[in-house]
Amino acid sequence: MSSEPWTIRKVLTWTTQHFEKRDVDAPRLTAEVLLSHVLKMGRVRLYVDLDRPLSKDELGTFRALIERRLNGEPTQYLTGVREFYNRPFKVDARVLIPRPETELLVEAVLRMLPRDAPSRALDVCTGSGCIAISLAAERPQATVLATDLSPDACALARENAEALKVSDRVTVLQGDLFSPLPPDAPRFRVVVSNPPYIDTAEIPTLSAEVRREPKLALDGGPDGLVAIRRVVTGARRWLEPGGLLAMEIGETQGPAVLELLRAAGYADARVEKDLERRERMAFGTQPAADGPQG
């Protein structure tokens, strides 16, 4: 240990190199995010104050986070925050960490929800609530119902809805997929879901960080399609005529999911690619022949 003060510059340099040696993803960015969290300042401010020395307590707190990160804890769980659709969402070990590709699913759903008229959306397997809350925040006249099997996830989704000031239009219900919905509930313009879709056998091969996330939100059964099948069939009961089913899927599941959508009677069944040209989203439209809204 050097006798020289541990400044922001020195700490960032040392931590980046340490993370590089241990094969931590995005070592510089991870160091900056963790240090920003400890010092309660934005990453830009770190560079304004590069020569600011850290106190003994700050160094101790930062070292503890470094060790936890090296032991496989995701950065987002360490900071307790994940940015999604330009909003800060509280995240912890109760929920899956929102991914950037899921923002594309939100964009697709928003195209179905009017900006200046009331609409209803259902988010199944809501987790942190990032999809449901983003839809409500972007469409001030929309009401969104969200469900999740995990009581812990539901509690966190409610916290996020409250913090992001949409709790008056986002209702979170605990239960299995569509089961929490009242039988006489009106149908929805959109049903959206980011269900568990990873093959059970693949779970042990995932990175240490991903394996720290809730297995309930990852494990899609022996072929990864168990929850997807149930969402595809169950959504027909709850979509209004012409309504949209939108799902996130695994990048190799496109052909199988298309077959499921067509077999279930959806019109315009299709798979779309993410920014890395991977098939990650599937869509189907409720036929107009399904009759009046219930």
Protein backbone atom coordinates (compact mmCIF):
# COMPACT_ATOMS: atom_id res chain seq x y z
CA MET A 1 0.00 0.00 0.00
CA SER A 2 1.31 3.39 -0.94
CA SER A 3 1.62 6.14 1.68
CA GLU A 4 0.29 8.61 -0.87
CA PRO A 5 -3.38 9.62 -0.56
CA TRP A 6 -5.90 7.43 -2.34
CA THR A 7 -7.45 9.98 -4.67
CA ILE A 8 -10.34 9.33 -7.03
CA ARG A 9 -7.82 9.10 -9.87
CA LYS A 10 -5.67 6.56 -8.07
CA VAL A 11 -8.60 4.48 -6.86
CA LEU A 12 -10.16 4.30 -10.33
CA THR A 13 -6.87 3.30 -11.94
CA TRP A 14 -6.13 0.60 -9.37
CA THR A 15 -9.67 -0.80 -9.38
CA THR A 16 -9.88 -0.88 -13.18
CA GLN A 17 -6.65 -2.84 -13.40
CA HIS A 18 -7.78 -5.19 -10.63
CA PHE A 19 -11.10 -5.85 -12.38
CA GLU A 20 -9.30 -6.44 -15.68
CA LYS A 21 -7.12 -9.11 -14.09
CA ARG A 22 -10.22 -10.81 -12.66
CA ASP A 23 -12.14 -10.63 -15.96
CA VAL A 24 -14.90 -8.40 -14.63
CA ASP A 25 -17.09 -7.07 -17.46
CA ALA A 26 -16.59 -3.39 -18.33
CA PRO A 27 -13.89 -2.91 -15.68
CA ARG A 28 -13.55 0.88 -15.96
CA LEU A 29 -17.29 1.50 -16.08
CA THR A 30 -17.88 -0.84 -13.14
CA ALA A 31 -15.23 0.95 -11.09
CA GLU A 32 -16.78 4.33 -11.88
CA VAL A 33 -20.33 3.21 -11.07
CA LEU A 34 -19.32 1.70 -7.73
CA LEU A 35 -17.21 4.69 -6.74
CA SER A 36 -19.97 7.11 -7.76
CA HIS A 37 -22.32 5.16 -5.53
CA VAL A 38 -19.97 5.33 -2.54
CA LEU A 39 -19.24 9.03 -2.98
CA LYS A 40 -22.85 9.91 -3.87
CA MET A 41 -21.86 11.81 -6.98
CA GLY A 42 -22.37 11.39 -10.70
CA ARG A 43 -19.69 9.78 -12.87
CA VAL A 44 -18.96 13.11 -14.57
CA ARG A 45 -18.25 14.64 -11.19
CA LEU A 46 -15.60 11.98 -10.56
CA TYR A 47 -13.53 13.49 -13.36
CA VAL A 48 -14.01 17.01 -12.05
CA ASP A 49 -12.69 15.88 -8.65
CA LEU A 50 -9.98 13.41 -9.75
CA ASP A 51 -7.52 14.67 -7.15
CA ARG A 52 -9.97 14.48 -4.24
CA PRO A 53 -8.70 12.02 -1.60
CA LEU A 54 -11.05 9.41 -0.17
CA SER A 55 -11.64 9.22 3.54
CA LYS A 56 -10.88 6.06 5.49
CA ASP A 57 -14.58 5.24 5.71
CA GLU A 58 -15.10 5.80 1.98
CA LEU A 59 -12.16 3.55 1.16
CA GLY A 60 -13.50 0.85 3.45
CA THR A 61 -16.95 0.97 1.91
CA PHE A 62 -15.51 0.91 -1.60
CA ARG A 63 -13.21 -2.03 -0.87
CA ALA A 64 -16.18 -4.00 0.47
CA LEU A 65 -18.09 -3.39 -2.76
CA ILE A 66 -15.07 -4.46 -4.81
CA GLU A 67 -14.92 -7.78 -2.95
CA ARG A 68 -18.63 -8.38 -3.37
CA ARG A 69 -18.40 -7.64 -7.09
CA LEU A 70 -15.46 -10.05 -7.44
CA ASN A 71 -17.55 -12.68 -5.67
CA GLY A 72 -20.16 -12.46 -8.41
CA GLU A 73 -22.70 -9.96 -7.11
CA PRO A 74 -24.08 -7.87 -10.00
CA THR A 75 -23.14 -4.20 -9.99
CA GLN A 76 -26.83 -3.22 -10.05
CA TYR A 77 -27.52 -5.14 -6.84
CA LEU A 78 -24.57 -3.42 -5.18
CA THR A 79 -25.80 0.05 -6.08
CA GLY A 80 -29.48 -0.84 -5.77
CA VAL A 81 -30.38 1.02 -8.96
CA ARG A 82 -30.78 0.22 -12.65
CA GLU A 83 -31.59 2.84 -15.26
CA PHE A 84 -34.38 1.72 -17.60
CA TYR A 85 -36.12 3.82 -20.22
CA ASN A 86 -34.50 6.92 -18.73
CA ARG A 87 -35.79 6.27 -15.23
CA PRO A 88 -34.07 4.91 -12.12
CA PHE A 89 -35.53 1.62 -10.91
CA LYS A 90 -34.74 0.11 -7.54
CA VAL A 91 -33.37 -3.41 -8.00
CA ASP A 92 -32.08 -6.04 -5.62
CA ALA A 93 -31.86 -9.82 -5.34
CA ARG A 94 -35.67 -10.07 -5.34
CA VAL A 95 -35.91 -9.33 -9.07
CA LEU A 96 -34.30 -9.80 -12.45
CA ILE A 97 -32.10 -6.86 -13.46
CA PRO A 98 -33.78 -4.98 -16.36
CA ARG A 99 -31.86 -5.33 -19.63
CA PRO A 100 -31.44 -2.72 -22.37
CA GLU A 101 -33.05 -5.01 -24.97
CA THR A 102 -36.28 -4.99 -22.97
CA GLU A 103 -36.54 -1.27 -23.73
CA LEU A 104 -37.20 -2.28 -27.35
CA LEU A 105 -40.19 -4.29 -26.17
CA VAL A 106 -41.48 -1.21 -24.34
CA GLU A 107 -41.08 0.86 -27.51
CA ALA A 108 -43.06 -1.67 -29.53
CA VAL A 109 -45.89 -1.72 -26.98
CA LEU A 110 -46.01 2.08 -26.76
CA ARG A 111 -46.84 2.18 -30.47
CA MET A 112 -50.09 0.37 -29.62
CA LEU A 113 -51.11 2.65 -26.76
CA PRO A 114 -52.62 6.06 -27.68
CA ARG A 115 -50.98 9.17 -26.30
CA ASP A 116 -54.19 11.11 -25.75
CA ALA A 117 -56.83 8.51 -24.94
CA PRO A 118 -57.43 5.96 -22.18
CA SER A 119 -56.06 2.45 -22.69
CA ARG A 120 -55.39 -0.69 -20.68
CA ALA A 121 -52.26 -2.86 -20.63
CA LEU A 122 -51.33 -6.03 -18.77
CA ASP A 123 -47.73 -6.87 -17.84
CA VAL A 124 -47.29 -10.55 -16.91
CA CYS A 125 -44.14 -11.55 -14.95
CA THR A 126 -43.51 -7.92 -14.06
CA GLY A 127 -40.47 -8.37 -11.78
CA SER A 128 -39.19 -4.90 -10.88
CA GLY A 129 -42.16 -3.39 -12.70
CA CYS A 130 -39.91 -1.76 -15.29
CA ILE A 131 -42.20 -2.51 -18.25
CA ALA A 132 -45.51 -1.68 -16.57
CA ILE A 133 -44.19 1.51 -14.97
CA SER A 134 -42.50 2.71 -18.16
CA LEU A 135 -45.75 2.25 -20.10
CA ALA A 136 -47.73 4.20 -17.52
CA ALA A 137 -45.13 6.95 -17.33
CA GLU A 138 -45.04 7.37 -21.11
CA ARG A 139 -48.81 7.19 -21.56
CA PRO A 140 -50.48 9.37 -18.89
CA GLN A 141 -53.99 8.10 -19.69
CA ALA A 142 -53.06 4.42 -19.62
CA THR A 143 -53.83 2.11 -16.74
CA VAL A 144 -51.58 -0.92 -16.30
CA LEU A 145 -52.16 -4.13 -14.41
CA ALA A 146 -49.04 -6.12 -13.50
CA THR A 147 -48.73 -9.64 -12.12
CA ASP A 148 -45.90 -11.71 -10.71
CA LEU A 149 -45.72 -15.06 -8.92
CA SER A 150 -43.14 -13.74 -6.43
CA PRO A 151 -44.54 -11.75 -3.48
CA ASP A 152 -41.10 -10.15 -3.05
CA ALA A 153 -41.03 -8.99 -6.68
CA CYS A 154 -44.54 -7.56 -6.32
CA ALA A 155 -43.47 -5.60 -3.25
CA LEU A 156 -40.51 -4.09 -5.10
CA ALA A 157 -42.61 -3.29 -8.18
CA ARG A 158 -45.03 -1.40 -5.95
CA GLU A 159 -42.11 0.52 -4.41
CA ASN A 160 -40.93 1.50 -7.88
CA ALA A 161 -44.40 2.56 -8.98
CA GLU A 162 -44.68 4.75 -5.90
CA ALA A 163 -41.21 6.26 -6.35
CA LEU A 164 -41.84 7.01 -10.02
CA LYS A 165 -45.26 8.51 -9.28
CA VAL A 166 -47.47 6.15 -11.29
CA SER A 167 -48.90 4.06 -8.45
CA ASP A 168 -52.35 5.54 -9.11
CA ARG A 169 -52.37 3.87 -12.54
CA VAL A 170 -50.21 0.77 -11.99
CA THR A 171 -51.77 -2.05 -9.97
CA VAL A 172 -49.53 -4.97 -9.01
CA LEU A 173 -51.18 -8.31 -8.19
CA GLN A 174 -49.40 -11.36 -6.83
CA GLY A 175 -50.12 -14.68 -8.50
CA ASP A 176 -49.38 -17.06 -11.36
CA LEU A 177 -49.56 -15.30 -14.74
CA PHE A 178 -53.25 -14.46 -15.41
CA SER A 179 -54.69 -16.11 -12.30
CA PRO A 180 -54.83 -12.88 -10.18
CA LEU A 181 -57.13 -11.15 -12.67
CA PRO A 182 -60.79 -10.84 -11.62
CA PRO A 183 -62.99 -12.93 -13.95
CA ASP A 184 -65.03 -9.87 -14.94
CA ALA A 185 -62.04 -7.61 -15.62
CA PRO A 186 -62.15 -5.71 -18.94
CA ARG A 187 -59.85 -6.90 -21.68
CA PHE A 188 -56.58 -5.18 -22.57
CA ARG A 189 -55.20 -3.37 -25.58
CA VAL A 190 -51.83 -4.99 -24.93
CA VAL A 191 -50.56 -7.99 -23.01
CA VAL A 192 -46.79 -7.80 -22.58
CA SER A 193 -44.46 -10.23 -20.88
CA ASN A 194 -40.79 -10.89 -20.23
CA PRO A 195 -41.27 -14.44 -18.93
CA PRO A 196 -38.57 -16.88 -17.82
CA TYR A 197 -37.24 -18.45 -21.02
CA ILE A 198 -33.87 -20.06 -20.25
CA ASP A 199 -33.60 -23.84 -20.59
CA THR A 200 -33.24 -25.37 -17.11
CA ALA A 201 -30.09 -27.24 -18.17
CA GLU A 202 -28.43 -23.96 -19.16
CA ILE A 203 -28.86 -22.28 -15.78
CA PRO A 204 -25.60 -23.72 -14.28
CA THR A 205 -23.64 -22.49 -17.33
CA LEU A 206 -24.68 -18.85 -16.91
CA SER A 207 -22.27 -16.26 -15.54
CA ALA A 208 -21.89 -15.97 -11.79
CA GLU A 209 -23.65 -12.60 -11.94
CA VAL A 210 -26.71 -13.96 -13.74
CA ARG A 211 -26.90 -16.95 -11.41
CA ARG A 212 -27.32 -14.46 -8.55
CA GLU A 213 -30.63 -13.36 -10.07
CA PRO A 214 -33.86 -15.12 -9.04
CA LYS A 215 -34.10 -18.56 -10.63
CA LEU A 216 -37.86 -18.12 -10.77
CA ALA A 217 -37.36 -15.27 -13.25
CA LEU A 218 -34.86 -17.20 -15.38
CA ASP A 219 -35.90 -20.86 -15.55
CA GLY A 220 -38.20 -21.56 -18.48
CA GLY A 221 -38.30 -25.32 -17.97
CA PRO A 222 -36.75 -28.20 -19.93
CA ASP A 223 -37.04 -26.41 -23.29
CA GLY A 224 -37.27 -22.82 -22.06
CA LEU A 225 -40.82 -22.49 -23.38
CA VAL A 226 -42.97 -23.56 -20.42
CA ALA A 227 -44.00 -20.04 -19.36
CA ILE A 228 -44.10 -18.76 -22.95
CA ARG A 229 -46.63 -21.46 -23.91
CA ARG A 230 -48.89 -20.45 -21.04
CA VAL A 231 -48.62 -16.75 -21.84
CA VAL A 232 -49.44 -17.38 -25.51
CA THR A 233 -52.54 -19.43 -24.74
CA GLY A 234 -53.67 -17.43 -21.72
CA ALA A 235 -53.44 -14.00 -23.36
CA ARG A 236 -56.18 -14.89 -25.88
CA ARG A 237 -58.71 -14.71 -23.04
CA TRP A 238 -57.62 -11.20 -22.04
CA LEU A 239 -56.85 -9.33 -25.26
CA GLU A 240 -59.45 -7.11 -26.85
CA PRO A 241 -60.07 -7.63 -30.59
CA GLY A 242 -57.08 -6.28 -32.50
CA GLY A 243 -55.01 -6.21 -29.30
CA LEU A 244 -51.33 -7.08 -29.22
CA LEU A 245 -49.41 -9.80 -27.39
CA ALA A 246 -45.74 -8.78 -27.04
CA MET A 247 -43.09 -11.02 -25.47
CA GLU A 248 -39.37 -11.11 -24.94
CA ILE A 249 -37.90 -14.47 -25.96
CA GLY A 250 -34.54 -16.23 -26.16
CA GLU A 251 -32.53 -15.61 -29.30
CA THR A 252 -32.92 -19.21 -30.59
CA GLN A 253 -36.63 -19.52 -29.79
CA GLY A 254 -38.08 -17.55 -32.70
CA PRO A 255 -39.26 -20.45 -34.89
CA ALA A 256 -40.79 -22.35 -31.95
CA VAL A 257 -42.59 -19.27 -30.62
CA LEU A 258 -43.93 -18.40 -34.07
CA GLU A 259 -45.39 -21.89 -34.27
CA LEU A 260 -47.00 -21.45 -30.85
CA LEU A 261 -48.53 -18.10 -31.82
CA ARG A 262 -49.96 -19.44 -35.06
CA ALA A 263 -51.30 -22.58 -33.40
CA ALA A 264 -53.05 -20.43 -30.80
CA GLY A 265 -54.82 -18.48 -33.53
CA TYR A 266 -53.02 -15.13 -33.45
CA ALA A 267 -52.98 -12.99 -36.57
CA ASP A 268 -49.81 -11.33 -37.85
CA ALA A 269 -47.54 -13.58 -35.76
CA ARG A 270 -43.98 -12.34 -36.11
CA VAL A 271 -40.54 -12.22 -34.52
CA GLU A 272 -38.40 -9.09 -34.47
CA LYS A 273 -34.68 -8.60 -33.88
CA ASP A 274 -32.86 -6.48 -31.32
CA LEU A 275 -30.07 -4.02 -32.12
CA GLU A 276 -27.58 -6.88 -32.31
CA ARG A 277 -29.72 -8.63 -34.95
CA ARG A 278 -30.87 -11.37 -32.58
CA GLU A 279 -34.48 -12.56 -32.60
CA ARG A 280 -35.56 -11.41 -29.14
CA MET A 281 -39.18 -10.26 -29.47
CA ALA A 282 -42.33 -12.06 -30.56
CA PHE A 283 -45.73 -10.55 -31.38
CA GLY A 284 -49.22 -11.71 -32.20
CA THR A 285 -52.50 -9.87 -32.80
CA GLN A 286 -55.88 -10.90 -31.39
CA PRO A 287 -58.21 -11.53 -34.35
CA ALA A 288 -61.08 -9.08 -34.65
CA ALA A 289 -63.46 -12.03 -35.02
CA ASP A 290 -63.08 -12.78 -31.31
CA GLY A 291 -66.13 -10.63 -30.62
CA PRO A 292 -66.84 -7.59 -28.48
CA GLN A 293 -64.67 -6.53 -25.57
CA GLY A 294 -65.52 -8.41 -22.38
